[in-house]
Amino acid sequence: MDSTRIPQAAPAEDPTTLWSSFARRALLDGPRAALSFEGRTWTYADMAGFAGRFAAALYAGGVRKGDRVGFLGFNRPECVLGLLAAASLGAIFVPFNFRLTTAELKTLILDAEVHTLIVGTEHLALVEPMRADLPCREYLHAGGAVEGWQSLDAWVARDLEPPPPAGVRAGDVAALVYTSGTTGVPKGAMLTHGNLWANNLNWILCYGITGQDRLLTTAPMFHVGGLFVLLSPLLLVGGEVVLHRGFDAGAVIAAIAAHRVTMTFSVPTMMLMLSQHPSFDGADLSSLRLLIVGGAPSPESLLRLYAGRNIAVSHTYGMSEIVTLCTFLETGSATAKLNSAGRAVPLSEVRLIDADGRPIDEAGVKGEICVRGPTVMAGYWRRPEATAGVLGSDGWFRTGDVGSFDADGYLFVNDRLKDMIISGGENIYPAEIESALQEHPDIHHAAVIGRPDPQWGERVCAVLVVKPGAALSLEALQEFCGPRLARYKIPKELRLVAELPLSGAGKVLKHALRQSLD
């Protein structure tokens, strides 16, 4: 690969922007390994050279500052390279969830008004049926030659002039990450260059990441826990990332030994799958100094199992709107503070407020978790009312989650105001599923809740009141949901009831509903 021309950050470029940070690191560590993927290792010079040519090709295709560049596909180097290339132009990178249906993706692509869309081989079939209805001016295929699609490699290989400096600053939006809310309407969290840079610092400061670390990434890169955790060794310290297309327990165990992986990011479901794999007990995991866990607390039995293998575990709490984490639990407190999300990361503040918005100072008292700091998003894409509902003029972001602090200042996440379900690390929003269920001709009233699941943490449970004379099975319900919802959102449990518990205002009382099913 041609890596002789390493783009240099312009002297006037803000050093806290994404491309400037990476370009400066590439100048320092050009020959060092940066990214390993499926038998191929990219040096920092390789990545910088490819991203520079990628940026030139995007510019030649009409991408300018503020335009959106989308990516749809499994984990692959072209995703992070696309992020870097877009960042150098001041364009906005939009990673899409490949688990969505064509209809769901179409809504998001239209909302973002994507200029250039990059699609992996496995997901071309999702895009083909809607191409005529999309606003995209360029369609690129990452993975070889396909009729009707431009090859990304060939597109980038052209001899083009470098684009002029874009004048990117820390406050400019670098990425748009879609997250749903209680209404089920997707919202794009606008993450700035400054957000990503501060997030990177938080990871380094919390976990002591250095140039000697090798981070294994298997989490999907449409998640902040995949794409932006991946950046933590790359931007400032010169470490290495080992990237997998997706999660496979056997492949993860083998990669830890083969690459001498020092740290990885996981969710409790992945931890369980790793521990249950036949090769786990005999595998050489001695290089792994840290397992960082997000999404939900880990059971004590799992923590003790990993401690028996001398693998330190640290839990985090965060979300897309604050890039990744706002609290972390140091490894020495994993069992002593069981189920805690830890304390605030160095660059963030965390507090609780009551129903009237007043700060809560007393230990053990529940309140809404709020976060302030340089990782808090700029707002929701083109949704000022939604932004105003969660982000105050004082900079405090209202998470919608309920928590409490203990006497030592450790946060415990107790409940979710938004009734979000976390299944296998995926955030699932009941309102979106309820809206789809109400389209069924035999359903009179629908509510969706999370139920405990030994493997996935939670599973989607549909609680339905059907119309007189109607009958509905779980299999029939799942078949109905298939074209309307991503597979992980489809109910795995069905309960038929005579009526749903309602408040005086006619809203379903989810807390009472959960109790009635226990």
Protein backbone atom coordinates (compact mmCIF):
# COMPACT_ATOMS: atom_id res chain seq x y z
CA MET A 1 0.00 0.00 0.00
CA ASP A 2 1.24 3.48 -0.91
CA SER A 3 1.89 5.31 2.34
CA THR A 4 4.62 7.69 1.21
CA ARG A 5 2.46 10.78 1.41
CA ILE A 6 1.31 11.32 4.97
CA PRO A 7 -1.06 14.27 5.25
CA GLN A 8 0.14 16.83 7.77
CA ALA A 9 -2.19 18.89 9.89
CA ALA A 10 -2.25 22.50 8.77
CA PRO A 11 -0.53 24.81 11.29
CA ALA A 12 -3.76 26.70 11.86
CA GLU A 13 -5.76 23.50 12.41
CA ASP A 14 -7.31 23.08 15.85
CA PRO A 15 -5.19 20.35 17.50
CA THR A 16 -8.24 18.97 19.34
CA THR A 17 -10.05 18.01 16.14
CA LEU A 18 -10.23 14.36 15.15
CA TRP A 19 -8.12 14.47 11.98
CA SER A 20 -5.53 16.83 13.40
CA SER A 21 -5.01 14.54 16.40
CA PHE A 22 -4.63 11.45 14.25
CA ALA A 23 -2.42 13.11 11.63
CA ARG A 24 -0.02 14.34 14.30
CA ARG A 25 0.11 10.85 15.82
CA ALA A 26 0.83 9.39 12.38
CA LEU A 27 3.77 11.77 11.98
CA LEU A 28 5.19 10.48 15.28
CA ASP A 29 4.39 6.78 14.86
CA GLY A 30 4.17 6.22 11.10
CA PRO A 31 5.77 2.72 10.99
CA ARG A 32 4.02 1.41 14.11
CA ALA A 33 1.11 -1.00 13.90
CA ALA A 34 -2.20 0.82 14.31
CA LEU A 35 -4.97 -1.52 13.17
CA SER A 36 -5.08 -5.28 12.56
CA PHE A 37 -8.01 -6.80 10.71
CA GLU A 38 -8.42 -10.31 9.31
CA GLY A 39 -4.74 -11.01 8.76
CA ARG A 40 -3.76 -7.53 7.59
CA THR A 41 -2.04 -4.88 9.69
CA TRP A 42 -2.27 -1.18 8.90
CA THR A 43 0.48 1.07 10.21
CA TYR A 44 -0.25 4.64 11.26
CA ALA A 45 1.25 5.74 7.95
CA ASP A 46 -1.01 3.32 6.04
CA MET A 47 -4.10 4.64 7.76
CA ALA A 48 -3.14 8.28 7.35
CA GLY A 49 -2.28 7.79 3.68
CA PHE A 50 -5.53 5.96 2.90
CA ALA A 51 -7.64 8.43 4.89
CA GLY A 52 -5.98 11.34 3.09
CA ARG A 53 -6.75 9.84 -0.33
CA PHE A 54 -10.25 8.96 0.90
CA ALA A 55 -10.78 12.62 1.85
CA ALA A 56 -9.56 13.77 -1.58
CA ALA A 57 -12.01 11.38 -3.27
CA LEU A 58 -14.89 12.54 -1.07
CA TYR A 59 -14.05 16.16 -1.90
CA ALA A 60 -13.87 15.37 -5.63
CA GLY A 61 -17.31 13.76 -5.27
CA GLY A 62 -18.74 16.98 -3.88
CA VAL A 63 -18.53 16.45 -0.10
CA ARG A 64 -18.01 19.73 1.73
CA LYS A 65 -17.94 20.89 5.34
CA GLY A 66 -21.17 19.91 7.10
CA ASP A 67 -22.21 17.28 4.53
CA ARG A 68 -23.04 13.79 5.82
CA VAL A 69 -21.08 10.65 4.94
CA GLY A 70 -22.85 7.43 5.94
CA PHE A 71 -21.54 3.93 6.62
CA LEU A 72 -23.58 0.72 6.74
CA GLY A 73 -21.82 -2.57 7.36
CA PHE A 74 -20.08 -4.93 9.73
CA ASN A 75 -16.91 -3.76 11.45
CA ARG A 76 -14.12 -3.10 8.97
CA PRO A 77 -11.24 -0.61 8.60
CA GLU A 78 -13.16 1.46 6.05
CA CYS A 79 -15.51 2.58 8.80
CA VAL A 80 -12.87 4.26 10.97
CA LEU A 81 -11.02 5.44 7.84
CA GLY A 82 -14.24 6.99 6.59
CA LEU A 83 -14.66 8.75 9.93
CA LEU A 84 -11.14 10.18 9.70
CA ALA A 85 -11.54 11.20 6.06
CA ALA A 86 -14.86 12.92 6.69
CA ALA A 87 -13.43 14.63 9.76
CA SER A 88 -10.57 16.13 7.76
CA LEU A 89 -13.14 17.81 5.48
CA GLY A 90 -15.36 18.98 8.31
CA ALA A 91 -18.02 16.56 7.04
CA ILE A 92 -20.22 14.60 9.46
CA PHE A 93 -19.85 10.82 9.70
CA VAL A 94 -23.05 8.80 10.23
CA PRO A 95 -22.70 5.09 11.16
CA PHE A 96 -25.96 3.19 10.61
CA ASN A 97 -27.23 0.19 12.52
CA PHE A 98 -27.04 -2.77 10.13
CA ARG A 99 -29.63 -4.64 12.22
CA LEU A 100 -32.41 -2.30 11.14
CA THR A 101 -34.91 -3.07 8.41
CA THR A 102 -34.89 -1.32 5.04
CA ALA A 103 -37.79 0.89 6.15
CA GLU A 104 -36.05 1.87 9.39
CA LEU A 105 -32.80 2.66 7.58
CA LYS A 106 -34.59 4.70 4.95
CA THR A 107 -36.05 6.93 7.66
CA LEU A 108 -32.62 7.62 9.11
CA ILE A 109 -30.83 8.17 5.79
CA LEU A 110 -33.52 10.64 4.74
CA ASP A 111 -33.35 12.40 8.10
CA ALA A 112 -29.57 12.80 7.83
CA GLU A 113 -29.72 13.70 4.12
CA VAL A 114 -26.65 11.59 3.47
CA HIS A 115 -24.47 12.80 0.61
CA THR A 116 -22.25 9.73 0.22
CA LEU A 117 -23.17 6.25 1.47
CA ILE A 118 -20.59 3.50 2.01
CA VAL A 119 -22.05 -0.02 2.22
CA GLY A 120 -20.44 -3.36 3.03
CA THR A 121 -21.09 -6.44 0.88
CA GLU A 122 -23.46 -8.11 3.32
CA HIS A 123 -25.84 -5.15 3.45
CA LEU A 124 -26.22 -4.12 -0.18
CA ALA A 125 -29.58 -5.92 -0.29
CA LEU A 126 -30.89 -3.60 2.42
CA VAL A 127 -30.10 -0.51 0.35
CA GLU A 128 -30.98 -1.62 -3.19
CA PRO A 129 -34.79 -1.49 -2.75
CA MET A 130 -34.71 2.14 -1.62
CA ARG A 131 -31.90 3.67 -3.67
CA ALA A 132 -34.30 5.53 -5.94
CA ASP A 133 -35.88 7.23 -2.92
CA LEU A 134 -32.67 8.31 -1.19
CA PRO A 135 -30.90 11.69 -1.44
CA CYS A 136 -27.41 10.17 -1.75
CA ARG A 137 -25.24 11.46 -4.59
CA GLU A 138 -22.58 8.77 -4.29
CA TYR A 139 -22.85 5.06 -3.43
CA LEU A 140 -19.64 3.23 -2.55
CA HIS A 141 -19.14 -0.47 -1.99
CA ALA A 142 -16.57 -1.59 0.58
CA GLY A 143 -15.55 -5.11 -0.30
CA GLY A 144 -14.77 -5.50 -4.01
CA ALA A 145 -16.43 -4.95 -7.38
CA VAL A 146 -20.23 -5.13 -7.55
CA GLU A 147 -22.32 -4.17 -10.56
CA GLY A 148 -24.08 -0.87 -10.07
CA TRP A 149 -21.79 0.21 -7.25
CA GLN A 150 -18.52 2.10 -7.21
CA SER A 151 -15.66 0.17 -5.62
CA LEU A 152 -14.35 2.09 -2.62
CA ASP A 153 -10.79 0.88 -3.18
CA ALA A 154 -10.80 1.95 -6.84
CA TRP A 155 -12.48 5.22 -5.96
CA VAL A 156 -9.82 6.05 -3.37
CA ALA A 157 -6.90 4.87 -5.55
CA ARG A 158 -7.35 7.72 -8.05
CA ASP A 159 -4.59 10.32 -8.22
CA LEU A 160 -6.34 13.41 -6.90
CA GLU A 161 -5.15 16.68 -5.45
CA PRO A 162 -5.47 17.03 -1.67
CA PRO A 163 -8.50 19.10 -0.68
CA PRO A 164 -7.96 22.62 0.68
CA PRO A 165 -7.98 23.12 4.48
CA ALA A 166 -11.53 23.02 5.79
CA GLY A 167 -10.94 25.16 8.87
CA VAL A 168 -12.37 22.53 11.21
CA ARG A 169 -12.75 23.52 14.85
CA ALA A 170 -13.48 21.62 18.05
CA GLY A 171 -17.08 22.82 18.16
CA ASP A 172 -17.92 21.46 14.69
CA VAL A 173 -20.02 18.29 14.52
CA ALA A 174 -17.92 15.23 13.65
CA ALA A 175 -20.46 12.42 13.94
CA LEU A 176 -24.18 11.83 14.03
CA VAL A 177 -25.19 8.78 16.10
CA TYR A 178 -28.84 7.82 16.04
CA THR A 179 -30.58 6.89 19.25
CA SER A 180 -34.29 6.45 19.88
CA GLY A 181 -36.33 7.89 22.70
CA THR A 182 -39.57 7.25 24.52
CA THR A 183 -41.56 8.34 21.48
CA GLY A 184 -39.82 5.77 19.31
CA VAL A 185 -38.75 8.52 16.89
CA PRO A 186 -35.00 8.21 16.12
CA LYS A 187 -32.87 11.20 17.05
CA GLY A 188 -29.35 11.92 15.87
CA ALA A 189 -26.97 12.86 18.67
CA MET A 190 -24.57 15.49 17.31
CA LEU A 191 -21.09 14.70 18.61
CA THR A 192 -18.45 17.37 18.05
CA HIS A 193 -14.71 17.00 17.52
CA GLY A 194 -14.26 18.42 21.01
CA ASN A 195 -16.63 15.78 22.40
CA LEU A 196 -14.59 12.98 20.83
CA TRP A 197 -11.27 14.45 21.93
CA ALA A 198 -12.43 14.85 25.54
CA ASN A 199 -13.88 11.34 25.49
CA ASN A 200 -10.51 10.05 24.37
CA LEU A 201 -8.84 11.81 27.29
CA ASN A 202 -11.34 10.32 29.72
CA TRP A 203 -10.51 6.79 28.56
CA ILE A 204 -6.77 7.41 28.81
CA LEU A 205 -7.05 8.96 32.26
CA CYS A 206 -9.44 6.33 33.63
CA TYR A 207 -7.65 3.26 32.31
CA GLY A 208 -4.05 4.32 31.88
CA ILE A 209 -4.00 3.55 28.15
CA THR A 210 -0.52 3.80 26.60
CA GLY A 211 1.21 3.07 23.33
CA GLN A 212 1.89 -0.44 24.60
CA ASP A 213 -1.80 -1.35 24.76
CA ARG A 214 -3.63 -3.48 22.22
CA LEU A 215 -7.39 -3.03 22.28
CA LEU A 216 -9.63 -5.77 20.86
CA THR A 217 -12.83 -4.32 19.38
CA THR A 218 -15.79 -6.55 18.55
CA ALA A 219 -18.68 -4.22 19.46
CA PRO A 220 -20.52 -2.93 16.36
CA MET A 221 -19.13 0.36 15.16
CA PHE A 222 -22.56 1.96 14.81
CA HIS A 223 -22.42 2.00 18.64
CA VAL A 224 -20.40 4.63 20.46
CA GLY A 225 -19.00 1.67 22.44
CA GLY A 226 -17.57 0.27 19.24
CA LEU A 227 -16.41 3.21 17.13
CA PHE A 228 -15.35 5.71 19.77
CA VAL A 229 -13.85 3.27 22.27
CA LEU A 230 -11.78 2.05 19.32
CA LEU A 231 -10.26 5.52 18.99
CA SER A 232 -8.92 5.55 22.55
CA PRO A 233 -5.50 3.99 21.75
CA LEU A 234 -5.16 5.68 18.35
CA LEU A 235 -5.50 9.44 18.67
CA LEU A 236 -3.09 10.42 21.43
CA VAL A 237 -0.96 7.50 22.65
CA GLY A 238 -0.07 5.40 19.60
CA GLY A 239 -1.48 2.03 20.66
CA GLU A 240 -2.91 -0.71 18.45
CA VAL A 241 -6.45 -1.86 17.71
CA VAL A 242 -7.33 -5.45 16.83
CA LEU A 243 -10.64 -5.22 14.97
CA HIS A 244 -13.10 -8.08 14.49
CA ARG A 245 -15.99 -8.04 12.03
CA GLY A 246 -18.33 -8.93 14.89
CA PHE A 247 -18.41 -10.85 18.15
CA ASP A 248 -17.50 -14.53 18.14
CA ALA A 249 -16.47 -15.99 21.48
CA GLY A 250 -13.97 -18.49 20.06
CA ALA A 251 -12.38 -15.88 17.80
CA VAL A 252 -12.05 -13.44 20.69
CA ILE A 253 -10.31 -16.00 22.91
CA ALA A 254 -7.93 -16.96 20.10
CA ALA A 255 -7.16 -13.31 19.25
CA ILE A 256 -6.27 -12.43 22.84
CA ALA A 257 -3.50 -15.01 22.78
CA ALA A 258 -2.38 -14.42 19.18
CA HIS A 259 -2.17 -10.61 19.40
CA ARG A 260 -1.33 -10.36 23.10
CA VAL A 261 -4.41 -8.19 23.61
CA THR A 262 -4.22 -6.09 26.78
CA MET A 263 -7.77 -4.73 26.97
CA THR A 264 -11.20 -5.15 25.43
CA PHE A 265 -14.70 -3.71 25.72
CA SER A 266 -17.65 -5.99 26.38
CA VAL A 267 -21.19 -6.30 27.71
CA PRO A 268 -22.27 -8.91 30.29
CA THR A 269 -23.77 -11.17 27.62
CA MET A 270 -20.40 -11.33 25.85
CA MET A 271 -18.67 -12.06 29.16
CA LEU A 272 -21.02 -14.99 29.70
CA MET A 273 -20.52 -16.35 26.18
CA LEU A 274 -16.74 -16.16 26.53
CA SER A 275 -16.82 -18.01 29.84
CA GLN A 276 -19.04 -20.75 28.40
CA HIS A 277 -16.85 -21.37 25.34
CA PRO A 278 -15.02 -24.74 25.41
CA SER A 279 -11.62 -23.08 24.89
CA PHE A 280 -11.99 -20.55 27.74
CA ASP A 281 -10.57 -22.68 30.57
CA GLY A 282 -7.39 -23.65 28.74
CA ALA A 283 -6.77 -20.42 26.82
CA ASP A 284 -3.76 -18.17 27.39
CA LEU A 285 -5.38 -14.94 28.55
CA SER A 286 -2.37 -13.73 30.51
CA SER A 287 -1.90 -10.58 28.39
CA LEU A 288 -5.41 -9.29 29.14
CA ARG A 289 -5.00 -6.69 31.88
CA LEU A 290 -8.47 -5.18 31.66
CA LEU A 291 -12.02 -6.07 30.63
CA ILE A 292 -14.22 -2.97 30.40
CA VAL A 293 -17.94 -3.67 30.65
CA GLY A 294 -20.84 -1.44 29.68
CA GLY A 295 -24.57 -1.80 29.13
CA ALA A 296 -25.53 -3.41 32.46
CA PRO A 297 -23.98 -4.71 35.69
CA SER A 298 -22.27 -8.11 35.66
CA PRO A 299 -23.45 -10.88 38.01
CA GLU A 300 -21.14 -11.54 40.95
CA SER A 301 -20.59 -15.12 39.77
CA LEU A 302 -19.11 -13.84 36.50
CA LEU A 303 -16.91 -11.31 38.28
CA ARG A 304 -15.49 -14.03 40.51
CA LEU A 305 -14.96 -16.33 37.53
CA TYR A 306 -12.90 -13.68 35.72
CA ALA A 307 -11.04 -12.76 38.89
CA GLY A 308 -10.02 -16.41 39.08
CA ARG A 309 -8.32 -15.95 35.70
CA ASN A 310 -6.61 -12.75 36.92
CA ILE A 311 -8.67 -10.60 34.56
CA ALA A 312 -9.60 -7.24 36.07
CA VAL A 313 -13.11 -5.99 35.29
CA SER A 314 -14.26 -2.37 35.25
CA HIS A 315 -17.87 -1.29 34.73
CA THR A 316 -18.93 1.93 33.04
CA TYR A 317 -22.13 3.89 32.61
CA GLY A 318 -22.81 6.10 29.64
CA MET A 319 -24.76 6.62 26.42
CA SER A 320 -24.56 8.02 22.90
CA GLU A 321 -25.36 11.57 23.97
CA ILE A 322 -22.16 11.73 26.05
CA VAL A 323 -20.08 9.78 23.48
CA THR A 324 -19.45 6.80 25.76
CA LEU A 325 -18.88 6.93 29.51
CA CYS A 326 -19.51 9.40 32.32
CA THR A 327 -18.75 7.06 35.25
CA PHE A 328 -16.40 4.14 35.74
CA LEU A 329 -15.89 1.60 38.50
CA GLU A 330 -12.23 0.97 39.29
CA THR A 331 -11.26 -2.69 39.05
CA GLY A 332 -10.54 -3.05 42.76
CA SER A 333 -14.17 -2.22 43.60
CA ALA A 334 -15.87 -4.62 41.18
CA THR A 335 -17.19 -6.90 43.94
CA ALA A 336 -17.03 -4.50 46.90
CA LYS A 337 -19.37 -2.15 45.03
CA LEU A 338 -21.36 -4.84 43.23
CA ASN A 339 -23.87 -3.45 40.68
CA SER A 340 -22.39 0.05 40.95
CA ALA A 341 -21.53 2.10 37.87
CA GLY A 342 -18.71 3.77 39.81
CA ARG A 343 -17.84 7.43 40.09
CA ALA A 344 -17.56 10.30 37.62
CA VAL A 345 -14.77 10.20 35.04
CA PRO A 346 -12.15 12.99 35.32
CA LEU A 347 -13.66 15.38 32.77
CA SER A 348 -17.35 14.97 33.68
CA GLU A 349 -19.67 15.89 36.53
CA VAL A 350 -22.55 13.65 37.56
CA ARG A 351 -25.44 14.60 39.83
CA LEU A 352 -29.01 13.59 40.65
CA ILE A 353 -32.09 15.80 40.57
CA ASP A 354 -35.59 15.31 41.96
CA ALA A 355 -38.87 15.70 40.07
CA ASP A 356 -38.67 19.48 40.51
CA GLY A 357 -35.15 19.71 39.16
CA ARG A 358 -33.48 20.28 42.51
CA PRO A 359 -30.11 18.58 43.18
CA ILE A 360 -30.15 15.59 45.54
CA ASP A 361 -27.30 15.43 48.05
CA GLU A 362 -28.50 12.64 50.33
CA ALA A 363 -27.10 9.11 49.95
CA GLY A 364 -29.61 6.43 48.97
CA VAL A 365 -32.19 8.87 47.55
CA LYS A 366 -33.18 8.18 43.96
CA GLY A 367 -33.20 10.86 41.30
CA GLU A 368 -32.65 11.47 37.61
CA ILE A 369 -29.02 11.14 36.56
CA CYS A 370 -27.60 14.30 34.96
CA VAL A 371 -24.20 14.80 33.33
CA ARG A 372 -22.17 17.91 32.52
CA GLY A 373 -18.82 18.21 30.80
CA PRO A 374 -17.02 18.42 27.45
CA THR A 375 -18.36 15.08 26.19
CA VAL A 376 -22.02 16.14 26.29
CA MET A 377 -23.44 16.32 22.76
CA ALA A 378 -24.20 19.58 20.98
CA GLY A 379 -27.84 18.50 20.69
CA TYR A 380 -30.15 16.38 18.57
CA TRP A 381 -29.97 16.77 14.79
CA ARG A 382 -32.66 19.19 13.62
CA ARG A 383 -34.72 18.61 16.78
CA PRO A 384 -34.45 21.76 18.90
CA GLU A 385 -37.46 20.87 21.07
CA ALA A 386 -36.04 17.44 21.89
CA THR A 387 -32.68 19.06 22.65
CA ALA A 388 -34.27 21.61 24.96
CA GLY A 389 -36.03 18.80 26.81
CA VAL A 390 -32.76 17.15 27.89
CA LEU A 391 -30.04 19.80 27.68
CA GLY A 392 -30.27 22.91 29.83
CA SER A 393 -28.59 26.25 29.31
CA ASP A 394 -26.36 25.40 32.27
CA GLY A 395 -24.88 22.45 30.33
CA TRP A 396 -26.49 19.68 32.39
CA PHE A 397 -27.78 16.76 30.28
CA ARG A 398 -30.77 14.85 31.66
CA THR A 399 -30.23 11.16 30.93
CA GLY A 400 -33.73 9.96 31.71
CA ASP A 401 -32.22 7.26 33.94
CA VAL A 402 -32.85 6.98 37.67
CA GLY A 403 -29.99 6.37 40.06
CA SER A 404 -28.76 6.84 43.60
CA PHE A 405 -25.40 7.44 45.26
CA ASP A 406 -24.15 5.52 48.25
CA ALA A 407 -22.35 7.16 51.16
CA ASP A 408 -19.02 6.84 49.32
CA GLY A 409 -20.27 8.63 46.21
CA TYR A 410 -20.66 5.54 44.02
CA LEU A 411 -23.51 5.64 41.51
CA PHE A 412 -26.10 2.87 41.26
CA VAL A 413 -28.41 2.94 38.24
CA ASN A 414 -31.76 1.86 39.68
CA ASP A 415 -34.29 2.22 36.90
CA ARG A 416 -34.97 3.87 33.56
CA LEU A 417 -37.40 6.70 33.22
CA LYS A 418 -37.59 5.90 29.53
CA ASP A 419 -38.34 2.21 30.18
CA MET A 420 -35.49 1.29 27.87
CA ILE A 421 -34.71 -2.43 27.56
CA ILE A 422 -31.07 -3.56 27.34
CA SER A 423 -30.78 -6.95 25.65
CA GLY A 424 -27.33 -8.27 24.79
CA GLY A 425 -25.96 -4.73 25.00
CA GLU A 426 -28.56 -3.36 22.56
CA ASN A 427 -30.75 -0.45 23.64
CA ILE A 428 -34.38 -1.25 22.80
CA TYR A 429 -37.15 1.30 23.18
CA PRO A 430 -40.64 -0.06 23.97
CA ALA A 431 -42.56 2.82 22.37
CA GLU A 432 -41.19 1.95 18.92
CA ILE A 433 -42.28 -1.69 19.29
CA GLU A 434 -45.65 -0.72 20.77
CA SER A 435 -46.31 1.51 17.76
CA ALA A 436 -45.65 -1.41 15.40
CA LEU A 437 -47.83 -3.78 17.45
CA GLN A 438 -50.78 -1.40 17.35
CA GLU A 439 -50.90 -1.90 13.57
CA HIS A 440 -51.99 -5.52 14.12
CA PRO A 441 -55.74 -5.84 13.43
CA ASP A 442 -56.33 -8.15 16.42
CA ILE A 443 -54.52 -6.06 19.05
CA HIS A 444 -56.60 -3.66 21.13
CA HIS A 445 -53.89 -2.41 23.50
CA ALA A 446 -50.15 -3.13 23.67
CA ALA A 447 -47.38 -2.57 26.18
CA VAL A 448 -43.77 -3.69 25.96
CA ILE A 449 -41.47 -4.30 28.90
CA GLY A 450 -38.15 -5.97 29.57
CA ARG A 451 -38.10 -9.32 31.34
CA PRO A 452 -35.04 -10.96 32.94
CA ASP A 453 -33.16 -13.28 30.62
CA PRO A 454 -30.26 -15.49 31.80
CA GLN A 455 -28.31 -15.06 28.56
CA TRP A 456 -29.19 -11.62 27.20
CA GLY A 457 -29.80 -9.75 30.44
CA GLU A 458 -33.30 -8.77 29.34
CA ARG A 459 -35.70 -9.93 26.64
CA VAL A 460 -38.55 -8.09 24.95
CA CYS A 461 -41.95 -9.05 26.35
CA ALA A 462 -45.18 -7.95 24.67
CA VAL A 463 -48.17 -7.65 27.00
CA LEU A 464 -51.30 -7.47 24.89
CA VAL A 465 -55.03 -7.00 25.19
CA VAL A 466 -56.54 -8.58 22.08
CA LYS A 467 -59.91 -7.77 20.56
CA PRO A 468 -62.94 -9.91 21.47
CA GLY A 469 -62.83 -13.29 19.76
CA ALA A 470 -59.23 -12.89 18.61
CA ALA A 471 -56.39 -15.30 19.37
CA LEU A 472 -52.71 -14.58 18.92
CA SER A 473 -49.63 -16.77 19.33
CA LEU A 474 -46.04 -15.67 19.87
CA GLU A 475 -45.03 -17.20 16.52
CA ALA A 476 -47.76 -15.29 14.67
CA LEU A 477 -46.79 -12.07 16.44
CA GLN A 478 -43.13 -12.52 15.53
CA GLU A 479 -44.05 -13.15 11.89
CA PHE A 480 -46.09 -9.93 11.88
CA CYS A 481 -43.18 -7.95 13.36
CA GLY A 482 -40.57 -9.36 10.96
CA PRO A 483 -40.92 -6.75 8.17
CA ARG A 484 -41.47 -3.92 10.63
CA LEU A 485 -38.76 -4.31 13.25
CA ALA A 486 -35.12 -5.31 13.48
CA ARG A 487 -34.77 -8.88 14.72
CA TYR A 488 -33.41 -7.93 18.13
CA LYS A 489 -36.49 -5.76 18.76
CA ILE A 490 -39.03 -8.52 18.01
CA PRO A 491 -40.77 -9.81 21.18
CA LYS A 492 -39.37 -13.04 22.59
CA GLU A 493 -42.21 -13.42 25.10
CA LEU A 494 -45.97 -12.85 24.83
CA ARG A 495 -48.44 -12.33 27.65
CA LEU A 496 -52.16 -11.94 26.95
CA VAL A 497 -54.09 -10.05 29.62
CA ALA A 498 -57.65 -8.83 30.08
CA GLU A 499 -56.53 -5.25 30.70
CA LEU A 500 -53.44 -3.14 31.25
CA PRO A 501 -52.93 -1.13 34.46
CA LEU A 502 -53.51 2.53 33.61
CA SER A 503 -52.92 5.82 35.38
CA GLY A 504 -55.59 8.47 35.74
CA ALA A 505 -54.24 10.05 32.57
CA GLY A 506 -54.62 6.77 30.67
CA LYS A 507 -50.93 5.89 30.54
CA VAL A 508 -49.78 2.31 31.10
CA LEU A 509 -48.22 1.87 34.54
CA LYS A 510 -45.14 -0.12 33.54
CA HIS A 511 -44.03 -0.60 37.14
CA ALA A 512 -47.38 -2.15 38.08
CA LEU A 513 -47.33 -4.24 34.93
CA ARG A 514 -43.91 -5.68 35.76
CA GLN A 515 -45.06 -6.54 39.27
CA SER A 516 -48.16 -8.29 37.98
CA LEU A 517 -46.05 -10.59 35.80
CA ASP A 518 -43.47 -11.53 38.46
